[in-house]
Amino acid sequence: MKKVITYGTFDLLHWGHIHLLKRAKALGDYLVVAISSDEFNRIKHKEAYHSYEHRKLIIEAIRYVDEVIPEHNWEQKKEDIKKHNIDVFVMGDDWEGEFDFLKELCEVVYLPRTEGISTSQIKDELK
């Protein structure tokens, strides 16, 4: 079984998130999604509208997602890859090159972001 992992806050779920998850799942058989915990978001100075538990509930309901785990810090990616026997690490191309150090453990893929939508855009438009 080929296992894929991706990371994100996944707040204010939108069709760009769905496209990312669908494309990530297409790279393997089993998709693990690591969602930033509320504590980690505070460290990153990022504010989510929904709590971690609510974001987890939403992401677990998506058919492309097989498992949801919490992301507590920047450093846990190597540990997650080993612990979950990950073959492919996926992130949006806005992170291009940032996770190349993981290539020693698995394939690293940067997917193009979905044009015309982002959580930041939604938050700005709602202000």
C-alpha atoms as a PDB file:
ATOM      1  CA  MET A   1       0.000   0.000   0.000  1.00  0.00           C
ATOM      2  CA  LYS A   2       1.339   3.427  -0.968  1.00  0.00           C
ATOM      3  CA  LYS A   3       0.801   5.986   1.814  1.00  0.00           C
ATOM      4  CA  VAL A   4       0.626   9.755   1.330  1.00  0.00           C
ATOM      5  CA  ILE A   5       0.720  12.549   3.920  1.00  0.00           C
ATOM      6  CA  THR A   6      -0.090  16.241   3.737  1.00  0.00           C
ATOM      7  CA  TYR A   7      -0.192  19.026   6.334  1.00  0.00           C
ATOM      8  CA  GLY A   8      -2.291  22.112   6.845  1.00  0.00           C
ATOM      9  CA  THR A   9      -4.604  24.138   9.039  1.00  0.00           C
ATOM     10  CA  PHE A  10      -7.659  23.340   6.893  1.00  0.00           C
ATOM     11  CA  ASP A  11      -9.764  26.131   8.345  1.00  0.00           C
ATOM     12  CA  LEU A  12     -12.783  27.488   6.449  1.00  0.00           C
ATOM     13  CA  LEU A  13     -12.839  24.464   4.153  1.00  0.00           C
ATOM     14  CA  HIS A  14     -13.208  25.363   0.465  1.00  0.00           C
ATOM     15  CA  TRP A  15     -12.936  23.765  -2.954  1.00  0.00           C
ATOM     16  CA  GLY A  16      -9.185  24.456  -3.105  1.00  0.00           C
ATOM     17  CA  HIS A  17      -8.734  22.190  -0.075  1.00  0.00           C
ATOM     18  CA  ILE A  18     -10.855  19.486  -1.723  1.00  0.00           C
ATOM     19  CA  HIS A  19      -8.781  19.684  -4.926  1.00  0.00           C
ATOM     20  CA  LEU A  20      -5.564  19.346  -2.894  1.00  0.00           C
ATOM     21  CA  LEU A  21      -6.856  16.335  -0.964  1.00  0.00           C
ATOM     22  CA  LYS A  22      -8.172  14.655  -4.119  1.00  0.00           C
ATOM     23  CA  ARG A  23      -4.846  15.117  -5.935  1.00  0.00           C
ATOM     24  CA  ALA A  24      -2.880  13.965  -2.882  1.00  0.00           C
ATOM     25  CA  LYS A  25      -5.003  10.807  -2.576  1.00  0.00           C
ATOM     26  CA  ALA A  26      -4.460  10.099  -6.301  1.00  0.00           C
ATOM     27  CA  LEU A  27      -0.721   9.737  -5.562  1.00  0.00           C
ATOM     28  CA  GLY A  28      -1.302   6.657  -3.397  1.00  0.00           C
ATOM     29  CA  ASP A  29      -3.736   4.321  -1.711  1.00  0.00           C
ATOM     30  CA  TYR A  30      -4.009   5.824   1.787  1.00  0.00           C
ATOM     31  CA  LEU A  31      -4.049   9.527   2.702  1.00  0.00           C
ATOM     32  CA  VAL A  32      -2.997  10.823   6.117  1.00  0.00           C
ATOM     33  CA  VAL A  33      -3.833  14.472   6.803  1.00  0.00           C
ATOM     34  CA  ALA A  34      -1.976  16.249   9.608  1.00  0.00           C
ATOM     35  CA  ILE A  35      -3.936  19.235  10.894  1.00  0.00           C
ATOM     36  CA  SER A  36      -2.264  21.998  12.867  1.00  0.00           C
ATOM     37  CA  SER A  37      -3.368  21.898  16.499  1.00  0.00           C
ATOM     38  CA  ASP A  38      -4.742  25.032  18.111  1.00  0.00           C
ATOM     39  CA  GLU A  39      -1.535  25.316  20.182  1.00  0.00           C
ATOM     40  CA  PHE A  40       0.650  25.030  17.074  1.00  0.00           C
ATOM     41  CA  ASN A  41      -1.425  27.679  15.307  1.00  0.00           C
ATOM     42  CA  ARG A  42      -0.770  30.024  18.238  1.00  0.00           C
ATOM     43  CA  ILE A  43       2.988  29.378  17.906  1.00  0.00           C
ATOM     44  CA  LYS A  44       2.705  30.205  14.176  1.00  0.00           C
ATOM     45  CA  HIS A  45       0.677  33.356  15.025  1.00  0.00           C
ATOM     46  CA  LYS A  46      -2.151  31.929  12.938  1.00  0.00           C
ATOM     47  CA  GLU A  47      -5.755  32.137  14.041  1.00  0.00           C
ATOM     48  CA  ALA A  48      -8.237  29.500  12.889  1.00  0.00           C
ATOM     49  CA  TYR A  49     -11.965  30.112  13.024  1.00  0.00           C
ATOM     50  CA  HIS A  50     -12.708  26.457  13.864  1.00  0.00           C
ATOM     51  CA  SER A  51     -11.077  24.542  16.723  1.00  0.00           C
ATOM     52  CA  TYR A  52      -8.783  21.612  15.987  1.00  0.00           C
ATOM     53  CA  GLU A  53     -11.511  19.131  16.974  1.00  0.00           C
ATOM     54  CA  HIS A  54     -14.020  20.727  14.592  1.00  0.00           C
ATOM     55  CA  ARG A  55     -11.491  20.923  11.738  1.00  0.00           C
ATOM     56  CA  LYS A  56     -10.634  17.260  12.366  1.00  0.00           C
ATOM     57  CA  LEU A  57     -14.319  16.296  12.229  1.00  0.00           C
ATOM     58  CA  ILE A  58     -14.756  18.135   8.916  1.00  0.00           C
ATOM     59  CA  ILE A  59     -11.627  16.634   7.292  1.00  0.00           C
ATOM     60  CA  GLU A  60     -12.477  13.105   8.479  1.00  0.00           C
ATOM     61  CA  ALA A  61     -15.786  13.379   6.581  1.00  0.00           C
ATOM     62  CA  ILE A  62     -14.025  13.860   3.234  1.00  0.00           C
ATOM     63  CA  ARG A  63     -13.937  10.662   1.183  1.00  0.00           C
ATOM     64  CA  TYR A  64     -10.318  11.111   0.071  1.00  0.00           C
ATOM     65  CA  VAL A  65      -9.036  11.159   3.662  1.00  0.00           C
ATOM     66  CA  ASP A  66      -8.222   7.899   5.430  1.00  0.00           C
ATOM     67  CA  GLU A  67      -6.708   9.218   8.670  1.00  0.00           C
ATOM     68  CA  VAL A  68      -6.320  12.546  10.481  1.00  0.00           C
ATOM     69  CA  ILE A  69      -3.523  13.257  12.947  1.00  0.00           C
ATOM     70  CA  PRO A  70      -2.566  16.419  14.863  1.00  0.00           C
ATOM     71  CA  GLU A  71       0.456  18.530  13.938  1.00  0.00           C
ATOM     72  CA  HIS A  72       2.011  19.944  17.111  1.00  0.00           C
ATOM     73  CA  ASN A  73       5.297  21.402  15.822  1.00  0.00           C
ATOM     74  CA  TRP A  74       7.449  21.969  12.732  1.00  0.00           C
ATOM     75  CA  GLU A  75       9.857  19.171  13.640  1.00  0.00           C
ATOM     76  CA  GLN A  76       7.414  16.255  13.756  1.00  0.00           C
ATOM     77  CA  LYS A  77       7.264  15.634   9.995  1.00  0.00           C
ATOM     78  CA  LYS A  78      10.228  13.228   9.982  1.00  0.00           C
ATOM     79  CA  GLU A  79       8.743  11.312  12.906  1.00  0.00           C
ATOM     80  CA  ASP A  80       5.308  11.163  11.234  1.00  0.00           C
ATOM     81  CA  ILE A  81       6.791   9.830   7.997  1.00  0.00           C
ATOM     82  CA  LYS A  82       8.551   7.030   9.862  1.00  0.00           C
ATOM     83  CA  LYS A  83       5.693   6.251  12.264  1.00  0.00           C
ATOM     84  CA  HIS A  84       3.043   6.060   9.511  1.00  0.00           C
ATOM     85  CA  ASN A  85       5.276   4.399   6.856  1.00  0.00           C
ATOM     86  CA  ILE A  86       4.749   7.277   4.431  1.00  0.00           C
ATOM     87  CA  ASP A  87       5.853   6.953   0.797  1.00  0.00           C
ATOM     88  CA  VAL A  88       4.846  10.415  -0.487  1.00  0.00           C
ATOM     89  CA  PHE A  89       4.868  13.798   1.282  1.00  0.00           C
ATOM     90  CA  VAL A  90       2.604  16.387  -0.402  1.00  0.00           C
ATOM     91  CA  MET A  91       2.372  20.154   0.054  1.00  0.00           C
ATOM     92  CA  GLY A  92       1.151  23.084  -2.014  1.00  0.00           C
ATOM     93  CA  ASP A  93       3.711  24.647  -4.330  1.00  0.00           C
ATOM     94  CA  ASP A  94       3.746  27.803  -2.202  1.00  0.00           C
ATOM     95  CA  TRP A  95       6.083  25.693   0.002  1.00  0.00           C
ATOM     96  CA  GLU A  96       8.297  24.679  -2.961  1.00  0.00           C
ATOM     97  CA  GLY A  97      11.731  23.557  -1.739  1.00  0.00           C
ATOM     98  CA  GLU A  98      10.950  24.006   1.978  1.00  0.00           C
ATOM     99  CA  PHE A  99      10.598  20.280   2.624  1.00  0.00           C
ATOM    100  CA  ASP A 100      13.230  18.887   0.272  1.00  0.00           C
ATOM    101  CA  PHE A 101      15.132  17.645   3.339  1.00  0.00           C
ATOM    102  CA  LEU A 102      12.436  14.944   3.616  1.00  0.00           C
ATOM    103  CA  LYS A 103      13.532  13.399   0.296  1.00  0.00           C
ATOM    104  CA  GLU A 104      15.888  11.166   2.277  1.00  0.00           C
ATOM    105  CA  LEU A 105      12.780   9.503   3.781  1.00  0.00           C
ATOM    106  CA  CYS A 106      10.165   9.587   1.002  1.00  0.00           C
ATOM    107  CA  GLU A 107       9.123  11.187  -2.269  1.00  0.00           C
ATOM    108  CA  VAL A 108       8.302  14.909  -1.897  1.00  0.00           C
ATOM    109  CA  VAL A 109       5.660  16.407  -4.198  1.00  0.00           C
ATOM    110  CA  TYR A 110       4.608  20.065  -4.413  1.00  0.00           C
ATOM    111  CA  LEU A 111       1.177  20.441  -6.002  1.00  0.00           C
ATOM    112  CA  PRO A 112       0.039  23.657  -7.693  1.00  0.00           C
ATOM    113  CA  ARG A 113      -2.383  25.683  -5.615  1.00  0.00           C
ATOM    114  CA  THR A 114      -5.953  25.973  -6.858  1.00  0.00           C
ATOM    115  CA  GLU A 115      -6.332  29.305  -8.641  1.00  0.00           C
ATOM    116  CA  GLY A 116      -8.904  31.792  -7.410  1.00  0.00           C
ATOM    117  CA  ILE A 117      -9.446  30.559  -3.850  1.00  0.00           C
ATOM    118  CA  SER A 118      -7.665  30.593  -0.489  1.00  0.00           C
ATOM    119  CA  THR A 119      -8.616  30.805   3.160  1.00  0.00           C
ATOM    120  CA  SER A 120      -6.831  34.173   3.388  1.00  0.00           C
ATOM    121  CA  GLN A 121      -8.919  35.458   0.475  1.00  0.00           C
ATOM    122  CA  ILE A 122     -12.148  34.304   2.134  1.00  0.00           C
ATOM    123  CA  LYS A 123     -11.189  35.967   5.435  1.00  0.00           C
ATOM    124  CA  ASP A 124     -10.272  39.209   3.658  1.00  0.00           C
ATOM    125  CA  GLU A 125     -13.532  39.263   1.695  1.00  0.00           C
ATOM    126  CA  LEU A 126     -15.575  38.641   4.851  1.00  0.00           C
ATOM    127  CA  LYS A 127     -14.040  41.663   6.644  1.00  0.00           C
END
